Amino acid sequence: MYNPQPSIIFLVAVVVLSAIEYRWRVRADRGYDLGALGGTVGTAIGQFLFKSLLNGTIGVAMLGVFALAPVHWPLDDWRTWLVGFFVLEFFYYWQHRLSHTIRWFWASHAVHHSANELTLPAAARLSWTSGISGLWAFFLPMTLLGFHPLLVATLLTLNLQYQYFIHTEAIPRLGPLEWILNTPAHHRVHHGSNLEYLDKNFGGVLIVFDRLFGTFQSERADTPIVYGLTKPLTSNNPFVIALHEWGNLIGDVRRADSISGVCRALFGRPGDASPRNETLDHRSSPEAAIDQGGSGEVVPTTSVA
């Protein structure tokens, strides 16, 4: 999708608040993995380049579907933007949820869950392959309902920019806002690899659809959050971060001994791709233990969505 470019104000806020968070983490003796930060920056650069290559094609597809819509909501009416906000939140919730439960989509989305500490820059660990895997297609029904692709792209960009600022441990619970908004506390849960926290809190700006559809989990004082994948990805190489789960998926497809096995490897729940994973929790996702000795061997293990 042809997302509007980030504003200068947003970029300045990212730099300033990330620097403040760094200082806070160091003073609070929480540590700060600068190697992981470098991996995140490299991954973000790659994501920007791949997105730039595909946005035009995706935009044409969105406009094509929009042309088929029986009605068109006027862009110059504030009510269109208000209704569009809630509609996009609904589609975003289901896109995000299915990104955790369908292996093909998880291969792209696993990138975002690979950071082993939750910091503001970790929000920029985004997929290089979401345009190829088709995650953008979840918003095609919205254009068929008559919402202009520019509105969809703008609201989605604002949705993701909002979420940048909830990738942090520096902000405590926010009182009554916890009932409505996706807050830092709720998003910390989403990035947890603890069994209690797996596949929870998929909302973008709002948390209401998680409450409605049974995927809400509050942050628990008695269960400290362990971030990242259940099999931690320790490499800071952007190519490993971006592509490791695709390597696992291809490996499971090659090992499949039947058509149903291939389909399960491609479209089943992450973690259910092969007999060796049948005893694993059905919400877990296969990830790679990367050989740090340089052999490049990928060993299927388990990880979290």
C-alpha atoms as a PDB file:
ATOM      1  CA  MET A   1       0.000   0.000   0.000  1.00  0.00           C
ATOM      2  CA  TYR A   2       1.329   3.426  -0.866  1.00  0.00           C
ATOM      3  CA  ASN A   3       1.722   4.710   2.693  1.00  0.00           C
ATOM      4  CA  PRO A   4       2.224   8.432   3.182  1.00  0.00           C
ATOM      5  CA  GLN A   5       5.758   9.211   4.293  1.00  0.00           C
ATOM      6  CA  PRO A   6       6.405   9.854   8.006  1.00  0.00           C
ATOM      7  CA  SER A   7       6.182  13.511   8.968  1.00  0.00           C
ATOM      8  CA  ILE A   8       9.168  15.469  10.248  1.00  0.00           C
ATOM      9  CA  ILE A   9       7.400  15.874  13.593  1.00  0.00           C
ATOM     10  CA  PHE A  10       7.022  12.118  13.924  1.00  0.00           C
ATOM     11  CA  LEU A  11      10.654  11.465  13.021  1.00  0.00           C
ATOM     12  CA  VAL A  12      11.885  14.065  15.505  1.00  0.00           C
ATOM     13  CA  ALA A  13       9.666  12.551  18.206  1.00  0.00           C
ATOM     14  CA  VAL A  14      11.084   9.108  17.423  1.00  0.00           C
ATOM     15  CA  VAL A  15      14.678  10.285  17.833  1.00  0.00           C
ATOM     16  CA  VAL A  16      14.092  12.385  20.948  1.00  0.00           C
ATOM     17  CA  LEU A  17      11.942   9.855  22.812  1.00  0.00           C
ATOM     18  CA  SER A  18      14.208   6.959  21.875  1.00  0.00           C
ATOM     19  CA  ALA A  19      17.167   8.887  23.326  1.00  0.00           C
ATOM     20  CA  ILE A  20      15.193   9.610  26.506  1.00  0.00           C
ATOM     21  CA  GLU A  21      14.216   5.951  26.780  1.00  0.00           C
ATOM     22  CA  TYR A  22      17.853   4.891  26.331  1.00  0.00           C
ATOM     23  CA  ARG A  23      18.922   7.146  29.180  1.00  0.00           C
ATOM     24  CA  TRP A  24      16.076   5.851  31.361  1.00  0.00           C
ATOM     25  CA  ARG A  25      16.956   2.201  30.727  1.00  0.00           C
ATOM     26  CA  VAL A  26      20.627   2.766  31.502  1.00  0.00           C
ATOM     27  CA  ARG A  27      19.867   4.690  34.695  1.00  0.00           C
ATOM     28  CA  ALA A  28      17.323   2.046  35.758  1.00  0.00           C
ATOM     29  CA  ASP A  29      19.940  -0.660  35.178  1.00  0.00           C
ATOM     30  CA  ARG A  30      17.718  -2.392  32.615  1.00  0.00           C
ATOM     31  CA  GLY A  31      20.460  -2.441  30.000  1.00  0.00           C
ATOM     32  CA  TYR A  32      20.289  -1.576  26.319  1.00  0.00           C
ATOM     33  CA  ASP A  33      21.437  -3.929  23.577  1.00  0.00           C
ATOM     34  CA  LEU A  34      23.162  -1.663  21.069  1.00  0.00           C
ATOM     35  CA  GLY A  35      23.944  -4.627  18.818  1.00  0.00           C
ATOM     36  CA  ALA A  36      20.229  -5.392  18.589  1.00  0.00           C
ATOM     37  CA  LEU A  37      19.624  -1.709  17.846  1.00  0.00           C
ATOM     38  CA  GLY A  38      22.002  -1.977  14.906  1.00  0.00           C
ATOM     39  CA  GLY A  39      20.141  -5.046  13.660  1.00  0.00           C
ATOM     40  CA  THR A  40      16.862  -3.162  13.964  1.00  0.00           C
ATOM     41  CA  VAL A  41      18.185  -0.183  11.997  1.00  0.00           C
ATOM     42  CA  GLY A  42      19.420  -2.490   9.235  1.00  0.00           C
ATOM     43  CA  THR A  43      16.088  -4.301   9.149  1.00  0.00           C
ATOM     44  CA  ALA A  44      14.204  -0.990   8.985  1.00  0.00           C
ATOM     45  CA  ILE A  45      16.320   0.194   6.038  1.00  0.00           C
ATOM     46  CA  GLY A  46      15.625  -3.034   4.181  1.00  0.00           C
ATOM     47  CA  GLN A  47      11.919  -2.781   4.921  1.00  0.00           C
ATOM     48  CA  PHE A  48      11.825   0.773   3.558  1.00  0.00           C
ATOM     49  CA  LEU A  49      13.536  -0.297   0.320  1.00  0.00           C
ATOM     50  CA  PHE A  50      11.282  -3.300  -0.257  1.00  0.00           C
ATOM     51  CA  LYS A  51       8.177  -1.289   0.582  1.00  0.00           C
ATOM     52  CA  SER A  52       9.195   1.413  -1.882  1.00  0.00           C
ATOM     53  CA  LEU A  53       9.508  -1.171  -4.643  1.00  0.00           C
ATOM     54  CA  LEU A  54       6.055  -2.669  -4.082  1.00  0.00           C
ATOM     55  CA  ASN A  55       3.907   0.262  -2.972  1.00  0.00           C
ATOM     56  CA  GLY A  56       3.053   1.351  -6.506  1.00  0.00           C
ATOM     57  CA  THR A  57       1.765  -2.086  -7.487  1.00  0.00           C
ATOM     58  CA  ILE A  58      -0.222  -2.430  -4.279  1.00  0.00           C
ATOM     59  CA  GLY A  59      -1.677   1.033  -4.745  1.00  0.00           C
ATOM     60  CA  VAL A  60      -2.881   0.161  -8.244  1.00  0.00           C
ATOM     61  CA  ALA A  61      -4.557  -2.981  -6.883  1.00  0.00           C
ATOM     62  CA  MET A  62      -6.276  -0.995  -4.140  1.00  0.00           C
ATOM     63  CA  LEU A  63      -7.518   1.599  -6.619  1.00  0.00           C
ATOM     64  CA  GLY A  64      -8.770  -1.158  -8.907  1.00  0.00           C
ATOM     65  CA  VAL A  65     -10.877  -2.682  -6.143  1.00  0.00           C
ATOM     66  CA  PHE A  66     -12.062   0.762  -5.041  1.00  0.00           C
ATOM     67  CA  ALA A  67     -13.363   1.373  -8.573  1.00  0.00           C
ATOM     68  CA  LEU A  68     -15.633  -1.656  -8.138  1.00  0.00           C
ATOM     69  CA  ALA A  69     -17.211  -0.338  -4.921  1.00  0.00           C
ATOM     70  CA  PRO A  70     -20.956   0.320  -5.285  1.00  0.00           C
ATOM     71  CA  VAL A  71     -20.657   3.459  -3.134  1.00  0.00           C
ATOM     72  CA  HIS A  72     -17.791   5.845  -2.435  1.00  0.00           C
ATOM     73  CA  TRP A  73     -17.429   7.585   0.903  1.00  0.00           C
ATOM     74  CA  PRO A  74     -16.514  11.277   0.406  1.00  0.00           C
ATOM     75  CA  LEU A  75     -12.968  12.061   1.474  1.00  0.00           C
ATOM     76  CA  ASP A  76     -13.862  15.615   2.452  1.00  0.00           C
ATOM     77  CA  ASP A  77     -16.417  14.530   5.087  1.00  0.00           C
ATOM     78  CA  TRP A  78     -15.094  14.116   8.658  1.00  0.00           C
ATOM     79  CA  ARG A  79     -17.650  11.375   9.269  1.00  0.00           C
ATOM     80  CA  THR A  80     -15.964   9.278   6.579  1.00  0.00           C
ATOM     81  CA  TRP A  81     -12.692   9.464   8.496  1.00  0.00           C
ATOM     82  CA  LEU A  82     -14.374   8.682  11.812  1.00  0.00           C
ATOM     83  CA  VAL A  83     -16.178   5.615  10.476  1.00  0.00           C
ATOM     84  CA  GLY A  84     -13.079   4.649   8.512  1.00  0.00           C
ATOM     85  CA  PHE A  85     -10.999   4.694  11.698  1.00  0.00           C
ATOM     86  CA  PHE A  86     -13.174   2.048  13.355  1.00  0.00           C
ATOM     87  CA  VAL A  87     -13.458  -0.030  10.167  1.00  0.00           C
ATOM     88  CA  LEU A  88      -9.690  -0.032   9.728  1.00  0.00           C
ATOM     89  CA  GLU A  89      -9.191  -1.017  13.376  1.00  0.00           C
ATOM     90  CA  PHE A  90     -11.458  -3.990  12.767  1.00  0.00           C
ATOM     91  CA  PHE A  91      -9.569  -5.160   9.675  1.00  0.00           C
ATOM     92  CA  TYR A  92      -6.218  -4.475  11.330  1.00  0.00           C
ATOM     93  CA  TYR A  93      -7.191  -6.648  14.288  1.00  0.00           C
ATOM     94  CA  TRP A  94      -7.951  -9.621  12.024  1.00  0.00           C
ATOM     95  CA  GLN A  95      -4.882  -9.076   9.863  1.00  0.00           C
ATOM     96  CA  HIS A  96      -2.706  -9.050  12.979  1.00  0.00           C
ATOM     97  CA  ARG A  97      -4.428 -12.028  14.557  1.00  0.00           C
ATOM     98  CA  LEU A  98      -4.148 -14.183  11.435  1.00  0.00           C
ATOM     99  CA  SER A  99      -0.507 -13.130  11.087  1.00  0.00           C
ATOM    100  CA  HIS A 100       0.047 -15.119  14.274  1.00  0.00           C
ATOM    101  CA  THR A 101      -2.043 -18.157  13.401  1.00  0.00           C
ATOM    102  CA  ILE A 102      -1.331 -18.806   9.698  1.00  0.00           C
ATOM    103  CA  ARG A 103       2.230 -19.875   8.963  1.00  0.00           C
ATOM    104  CA  TRP A 104       2.503 -18.070   5.591  1.00  0.00           C
ATOM    105  CA  PHE A 105       1.739 -14.732   7.219  1.00  0.00           C
ATOM    106  CA  TRP A 106       3.759 -15.510  10.339  1.00  0.00           C
ATOM    107  CA  ALA A 107       6.853 -15.952   8.158  1.00  0.00           C
ATOM    108  CA  SER A 108       6.660 -12.215   7.511  1.00  0.00           C
ATOM    109  CA  HIS A 109       5.408 -11.102  10.912  1.00  0.00           C
ATOM    110  CA  ALA A 110       7.915 -13.090  13.004  1.00  0.00           C
ATOM    111  CA  VAL A 111      10.452 -10.354  12.238  1.00  0.00           C
ATOM    112  CA  HIS A 112       8.594  -7.948  14.476  1.00  0.00           C
ATOM    113  CA  HIS A 113       8.707 -10.337  17.443  1.00  0.00           C
ATOM    114  CA  SER A 114      12.396 -11.179  17.185  1.00  0.00           C
ATOM    115  CA  ALA A 115      13.735  -8.458  19.521  1.00  0.00           C
ATOM    116  CA  ASN A 116      14.652  -9.813  22.955  1.00  0.00           C
ATOM    117  CA  GLU A 117      14.032  -6.529  24.756  1.00  0.00           C
ATOM    118  CA  LEU A 118      11.152  -4.142  24.224  1.00  0.00           C
ATOM    119  CA  THR A 119      12.346  -0.675  23.292  1.00  0.00           C
ATOM    120  CA  LEU A 120      10.929   2.050  21.087  1.00  0.00           C
ATOM    121  CA  PRO A 121      13.269   1.278  18.160  1.00  0.00           C
ATOM    122  CA  ALA A 122      12.173  -2.377  18.249  1.00  0.00           C
ATOM    123  CA  ALA A 123       8.896  -1.164  16.739  1.00  0.00           C
ATOM    124  CA  ALA A 124      10.810  -0.620  13.493  1.00  0.00           C
ATOM    125  CA  ARG A 125      11.558  -4.333  13.088  1.00  0.00           C
ATOM    126  CA  LEU A 126       9.103  -4.758  10.245  1.00  0.00           C
ATOM    127  CA  SER A 127       8.846  -7.320   7.488  1.00  0.00           C
ATOM    128  CA  TRP A 128      10.600  -7.089   4.150  1.00  0.00           C
ATOM    129  CA  THR A 129       8.113  -9.539   2.652  1.00  0.00           C
ATOM    130  CA  SER A 130       4.657  -8.365   3.741  1.00  0.00           C
ATOM    131  CA  GLY A 131       3.984  -7.107   0.210  1.00  0.00           C
ATOM    132  CA  ILE A 132       4.827 -10.542  -1.182  1.00  0.00           C
ATOM    133  CA  SER A 133       2.983 -12.562   1.456  1.00  0.00           C
ATOM    134  CA  GLY A 134      -0.152 -10.509   0.858  1.00  0.00           C
ATOM    135  CA  LEU A 135      -0.746  -8.974   4.286  1.00  0.00           C
ATOM    136  CA  TRP A 136      -1.892  -5.797   2.562  1.00  0.00           C
ATOM    137  CA  ALA A 137      -4.795  -7.720   0.972  1.00  0.00           C
ATOM    138  CA  PHE A 138      -6.610  -7.752   4.319  1.00  0.00           C
ATOM    139  CA  PHE A 139      -7.534  -4.132   3.615  1.00  0.00           C
ATOM    140  CA  LEU A 140      -8.961  -4.731   0.141  1.00  0.00           C
ATOM    141  CA  PRO A 141     -12.480  -5.328   1.558  1.00  0.00           C
ATOM    142  CA  MET A 142     -12.293  -1.870   3.089  1.00  0.00           C
ATOM    143  CA  THR A 143     -11.788  -0.295  -0.340  1.00  0.00           C
ATOM    144  CA  LEU A 144     -14.603  -2.465  -1.712  1.00  0.00           C
ATOM    145  CA  LEU A 145     -16.805  -0.906   0.978  1.00  0.00           C
ATOM    146  CA  GLY A 146     -16.089   2.439  -0.656  1.00  0.00           C
ATOM    147  CA  PHE A 147     -13.231   3.867   1.415  1.00  0.00           C
ATOM    148  CA  HIS A 148     -10.629   5.536  -0.775  1.00  0.00           C
ATOM    149  CA  PRO A 149      -7.175   3.898  -0.708  1.00  0.00           C
ATOM    150  CA  LEU A 150      -5.679   7.220   0.366  1.00  0.00           C
ATOM    151  CA  LEU A 151      -7.862   7.162   3.482  1.00  0.00           C
ATOM    152  CA  VAL A 152      -6.925   3.537   4.166  1.00  0.00           C
ATOM    153  CA  ALA A 153      -3.209   4.264   3.735  1.00  0.00           C
ATOM    154  CA  THR A 154      -3.329   7.391   5.878  1.00  0.00           C
ATOM    155  CA  LEU A 155      -5.237   5.740   8.731  1.00  0.00           C
ATOM    156  CA  LEU A 156      -2.980   2.688   8.626  1.00  0.00           C
ATOM    157  CA  THR A 157       0.112   4.896   8.745  1.00  0.00           C
ATOM    158  CA  LEU A 158      -1.267   6.767  11.767  1.00  0.00           C
ATOM    159  CA  ASN A 159      -2.162   3.432  13.369  1.00  0.00           C
ATOM    160  CA  LEU A 160       1.415   2.176  13.014  1.00  0.00           C
ATOM    161  CA  GLN A 161       2.912   5.485  14.111  1.00  0.00           C
ATOM    162  CA  TYR A 162       0.814   5.375  17.271  1.00  0.00           C
ATOM    163  CA  GLN A 163       2.051   1.872  17.957  1.00  0.00           C
ATOM    164  CA  TYR A 164       5.678   2.988  17.770  1.00  0.00           C
ATOM    165  CA  PHE A 165       5.249   4.772  21.092  1.00  0.00           C
ATOM    166  CA  ILE A 166       3.782   1.791  22.941  1.00  0.00           C
ATOM    167  CA  HIS A 167       6.860  -0.395  22.427  1.00  0.00           C
ATOM    168  CA  THR A 168       8.379   0.516  25.765  1.00  0.00           C
ATOM    169  CA  GLU A 169       8.728  -0.507  29.396  1.00  0.00           C
ATOM    170  CA  ALA A 170       9.071   3.117  30.499  1.00  0.00           C
ATOM    171  CA  ILE A 171       5.340   3.880  30.645  1.00  0.00           C
ATOM    172  CA  PRO A 172       3.220   2.286  33.409  1.00  0.00           C
ATOM    173  CA  ARG A 173      -0.445   1.371  33.248  1.00  0.00           C
ATOM    174  CA  LEU A 174      -2.680   4.293  32.239  1.00  0.00           C
ATOM    175  CA  GLY A 175      -5.765   3.869  34.402  1.00  0.00           C
ATOM    176  CA  PRO A 176      -9.160   4.009  32.632  1.00  0.00           C
ATOM    177  CA  LEU A 177      -7.481   4.299  29.219  1.00  0.00           C
ATOM    178  CA  GLU A 178      -6.502   0.639  29.569  1.00  0.00           C
ATOM    179  CA  TRP A 179     -10.121  -0.306  28.863  1.00  0.00           C
ATOM    180  CA  ILE A 180     -10.194   1.341  25.427  1.00  0.00           C
ATOM    181  CA  LEU A 181      -6.712   1.936  24.050  1.00  0.00           C
ATOM    182  CA  ASN A 182      -3.882  -0.375  23.146  1.00  0.00           C
ATOM    183  CA  THR A 183      -1.482   0.924  25.784  1.00  0.00           C
ATOM    184  CA  PRO A 184       2.201   0.157  26.446  1.00  0.00           C
ATOM    185  CA  ALA A 185       1.102  -2.307  29.154  1.00  0.00           C
ATOM    186  CA  HIS A 186      -1.158  -4.175  26.714  1.00  0.00           C
ATOM    187  CA  HIS A 187       1.491  -4.208  24.008  1.00  0.00           C
ATOM    188  CA  ARG A 188       4.138  -5.495  26.391  1.00  0.00           C
ATOM    189  CA  VAL A 189       1.885  -8.510  26.844  1.00  0.00           C
ATOM    190  CA  HIS A 190       1.616  -8.922  23.080  1.00  0.00           C
ATOM    191  CA  HIS A 191       5.406  -9.178  22.780  1.00  0.00           C
ATOM    192  CA  GLY A 192       5.724 -11.687  25.617  1.00  0.00           C
ATOM    193  CA  SER A 193       6.956 -15.208  24.983  1.00  0.00           C
ATOM    194  CA  ASN A 194       5.436 -16.521  28.238  1.00  0.00           C
ATOM    195  CA  LEU A 195       2.740 -19.130  27.715  1.00  0.00           C
ATOM    196  CA  GLU A 196       0.220 -16.876  29.482  1.00  0.00           C
ATOM    197  CA  TYR A 197       0.875 -14.079  27.009  1.00  0.00           C
ATOM    198  CA  LEU A 198       1.031 -15.903  23.679  1.00  0.00           C
ATOM    199  CA  ASP A 199      -1.227 -14.582  20.910  1.00  0.00           C
ATOM    200  CA  LYS A 200      -2.898 -11.832  22.918  1.00  0.00           C
ATOM    201  CA  ASN A 201      -3.717  -8.148  22.386  1.00  0.00           C
ATOM    202  CA  PHE A 202      -3.767  -7.782  18.607  1.00  0.00           C
ATOM    203  CA  GLY A 203      -5.338  -4.327  18.483  1.00  0.00           C
ATOM    204  CA  GLY A 204      -3.767  -1.310  16.813  1.00  0.00           C
ATOM    205  CA  VAL A 205      -4.917   1.900  18.495  1.00  0.00           C
ATOM    206  CA  LEU A 206      -7.873   0.274  20.254  1.00  0.00           C
ATOM    207  CA  ILE A 207      -8.013  -2.799  22.489  1.00  0.00           C
ATOM    208  CA  VAL A 208     -11.799  -3.213  22.243  1.00  0.00           C
ATOM    209  CA  PHE A 209     -11.758  -5.947  19.580  1.00  0.00           C
ATOM    210  CA  ASP A 210      -9.477  -8.085  21.740  1.00  0.00           C
ATOM    211  CA  ARG A 211     -12.007  -7.746  24.546  1.00  0.00           C
ATOM    212  CA  LEU A 212     -14.861  -8.585  22.168  1.00  0.00           C
ATOM    213  CA  PHE A 213     -13.189 -11.593  20.521  1.00  0.00           C
ATOM    214  CA  GLY A 214     -11.537 -13.139  23.560  1.00  0.00           C
ATOM    215  CA  THR A 215      -7.873 -12.378  22.885  1.00  0.00           C
ATOM    216  CA  PHE A 216      -7.316  -9.826  25.640  1.00  0.00           C
ATOM    217  CA  GLN A 217      -4.776 -10.414  28.394  1.00  0.00           C
ATOM    218  CA  SER A 218      -3.747  -7.870  30.996  1.00  0.00           C
ATOM    219  CA  GLU A 219      -0.192  -7.496  32.225  1.00  0.00           C
ATOM    220  CA  ARG A 220       0.259  -9.567  35.392  1.00  0.00           C
ATOM    221  CA  ALA A 221       2.401  -8.441  38.302  1.00  0.00           C
ATOM    222  CA  ASP A 222       3.157 -12.077  39.198  1.00  0.00           C
ATOM    223  CA  THR A 223       4.330 -12.985  35.670  1.00  0.00           C
ATOM    224  CA  PRO A 224       7.267 -10.888  34.436  1.00  0.00           C
ATOM    225  CA  ILE A 225       7.268 -10.662  30.660  1.00  0.00           C
ATOM    226  CA  VAL A 226       9.958 -12.431  28.675  1.00  0.00           C
ATOM    227  CA  TYR A 227      10.263 -10.714  25.307  1.00  0.00           C
ATOM    228  CA  GLY A 228      11.053 -12.151  21.909  1.00  0.00           C
ATOM    229  CA  LEU A 229      10.549 -15.593  20.435  1.00  0.00           C
ATOM    230  CA  THR A 230      10.321 -18.683  22.618  1.00  0.00           C
ATOM    231  CA  LYS A 231      13.562 -19.753  20.986  1.00  0.00           C
ATOM    232  CA  PRO A 232      15.416 -16.434  21.131  1.00  0.00           C
ATOM    233  CA  LEU A 233      16.930 -15.173  17.904  1.00  0.00           C
ATOM    234  CA  THR A 234      20.384 -13.938  18.913  1.00  0.00           C
ATOM    235  CA  SER A 235      21.683 -12.835  15.525  1.00  0.00           C
ATOM    236  CA  ASN A 236      21.808  -9.100  14.785  1.00  0.00           C
ATOM    237  CA  ASN A 237      22.261  -9.680  11.059  1.00  0.00           C
ATOM    238  CA  PRO A 238      19.353  -7.884   9.307  1.00  0.00           C
ATOM    239  CA  PHE A 239      19.109 -10.644   6.688  1.00  0.00           C
ATOM    240  CA  VAL A 240      18.756 -13.298   9.391  1.00  0.00           C
ATOM    241  CA  ILE A 241      16.217 -11.177  11.268  1.00  0.00           C
ATOM    242  CA  ALA A 242      14.152 -10.586   8.126  1.00  0.00           C
ATOM    243  CA  LEU A 243      14.333 -14.022   6.505  1.00  0.00           C
ATOM    244  CA  HIS A 244      14.960 -16.672   9.172  1.00  0.00           C
ATOM    245  CA  GLU A 245      11.346 -17.810   9.394  1.00  0.00           C
ATOM    246  CA  TRP A 246      11.065 -18.117   5.624  1.00  0.00           C
ATOM    247  CA  GLY A 247      14.041 -20.479   5.844  1.00  0.00           C
ATOM    248  CA  ASN A 248      12.177 -22.546   8.411  1.00  0.00           C
ATOM    249  CA  LEU A 249       9.018 -22.598   6.307  1.00  0.00           C
ATOM    250  CA  ILE A 250      10.876 -23.712   3.172  1.00  0.00           C
ATOM    251  CA  GLY A 251      12.623 -26.413   5.194  1.00  0.00           C
ATOM    252  CA  ASP A 252       9.312 -27.761   6.480  1.00  0.00           C
ATOM    253  CA  VAL A 253       7.854 -27.748   2.951  1.00  0.00           C
ATOM    254  CA  ARG A 254      10.838 -29.735   1.660  1.00  0.00           C
ATOM    255  CA  ARG A 255      10.487 -32.263   4.472  1.00  0.00           C
ATOM    256  CA  ALA A 256       6.746 -32.726   3.932  1.00  0.00           C
ATOM    257  CA  ASP A 257       5.888 -36.153   2.516  1.00  0.00           C
ATOM    258  CA  SER A 258       2.365 -35.406   1.298  1.00  0.00           C
ATOM    259  CA  ILE A 259       0.229 -32.656  -0.212  1.00  0.00           C
ATOM    260  CA  SER A 260      -1.506 -32.199   3.127  1.00  0.00           C
ATOM    261  CA  GLY A 261       1.908 -31.868   4.792  1.00  0.00           C
ATOM    262  CA  VAL A 262       2.884 -29.139   2.341  1.00  0.00           C
ATOM    263  CA  CYS A 263      -0.387 -27.306   2.974  1.00  0.00           C
ATOM    264  CA  ARG A 264       0.112 -27.621   6.727  1.00  0.00           C
ATOM    265  CA  ALA A 265       3.653 -26.236   6.423  1.00  0.00           C
ATOM    266  CA  LEU A 266       2.430 -23.285   4.372  1.00  0.00           C
ATOM    267  CA  PHE A 267      -0.931 -22.448   5.886  1.00  0.00           C
ATOM    268  CA  GLY A 268      -1.310 -24.351   9.155  1.00  0.00           C
ATOM    269  CA  ARG A 269      -0.787 -22.914  12.598  1.00  0.00           C
ATOM    270  CA  PRO A 270       2.843 -22.035  13.237  1.00  0.00           C
ATOM    271  CA  GLY A 271       4.394 -24.937  15.111  1.00  0.00           C
ATOM    272  CA  ASP A 272       2.190 -27.594  13.536  1.00  0.00           C
ATOM    273  CA  ALA A 273       4.181 -28.041  10.335  1.00  0.00           C
ATOM    274  CA  SER A 274       5.803 -31.395  11.029  1.00  0.00           C
ATOM    275  CA  PRO A 275       5.478 -34.442  13.304  1.00  0.00           C
ATOM    276  CA  ARG A 276       8.383 -33.234  15.435  1.00  0.00           C
ATOM    277  CA  ASN A 277       6.229 -30.294  16.537  1.00  0.00           C
ATOM    278  CA  GLU A 278       3.039 -32.185  17.383  1.00  0.00           C
ATOM    279  CA  THR A 279       3.742 -32.112  21.109  1.00  0.00           C
ATOM    280  CA  LEU A 280       4.281 -28.364  21.167  1.00  0.00           C
ATOM    281  CA  ASP A 281       1.755 -25.828  22.317  1.00  0.00           C
ATOM    282  CA  HIS A 282      -0.470 -25.170  19.316  1.00  0.00           C
ATOM    283  CA  ARG A 283       0.063 -21.431  19.632  1.00  0.00           C
ATOM    284  CA  SER A 284       3.826 -21.671  19.256  1.00  0.00           C
ATOM    285  CA  SER A 285       5.592 -20.862  16.008  1.00  0.00           C
ATOM    286  CA  PRO A 286       8.645 -22.583  14.571  1.00  0.00           C
ATOM    287  CA  GLU A 287      11.707 -20.389  14.610  1.00  0.00           C
ATOM    288  CA  ALA A 288      15.371 -20.875  13.920  1.00  0.00           C
ATOM    289  CA  ALA A 289      18.282 -21.417  16.210  1.00  0.00           C
ATOM    290  CA  ILE A 290      20.952 -19.699  14.173  1.00  0.00           C
ATOM    291  CA  ASP A 291      24.366 -21.317  14.302  1.00  0.00           C
ATOM    292  CA  GLN A 292      26.617 -18.575  15.611  1.00  0.00           C
ATOM    293  CA  GLY A 293      29.694 -20.495  14.512  1.00  0.00           C
ATOM    294  CA  GLY A 294      29.147 -19.427  10.928  1.00  0.00           C
ATOM    295  CA  SER A 295      27.835 -22.646   9.390  1.00  0.00           C
ATOM    296  CA  GLY A 296      24.466 -21.064   8.678  1.00  0.00           C
ATOM    297  CA  GLU A 297      22.641 -24.221   9.770  1.00  0.00           C
ATOM    298  CA  VAL A 298      19.005 -23.633  10.600  1.00  0.00           C
ATOM    299  CA  VAL A 299      17.551 -25.919  13.249  1.00  0.00           C
ATOM    300  CA  PRO A 300      13.733 -25.865  13.622  1.00  0.00           C
ATOM    301  CA  THR A 301      12.645 -25.077  17.166  1.00  0.00           C
ATOM    302  CA  THR A 302       9.697 -23.233  18.608  1.00  0.00           C
ATOM    303  CA  SER A 303       8.891 -19.599  19.033  1.00  0.00           C
ATOM    304  CA  VAL A 304       6.083 -17.285  19.872  1.00  0.00           C
ATOM    305  CA  ALA A 305       3.795 -15.184  17.811  1.00  0.00           C
END
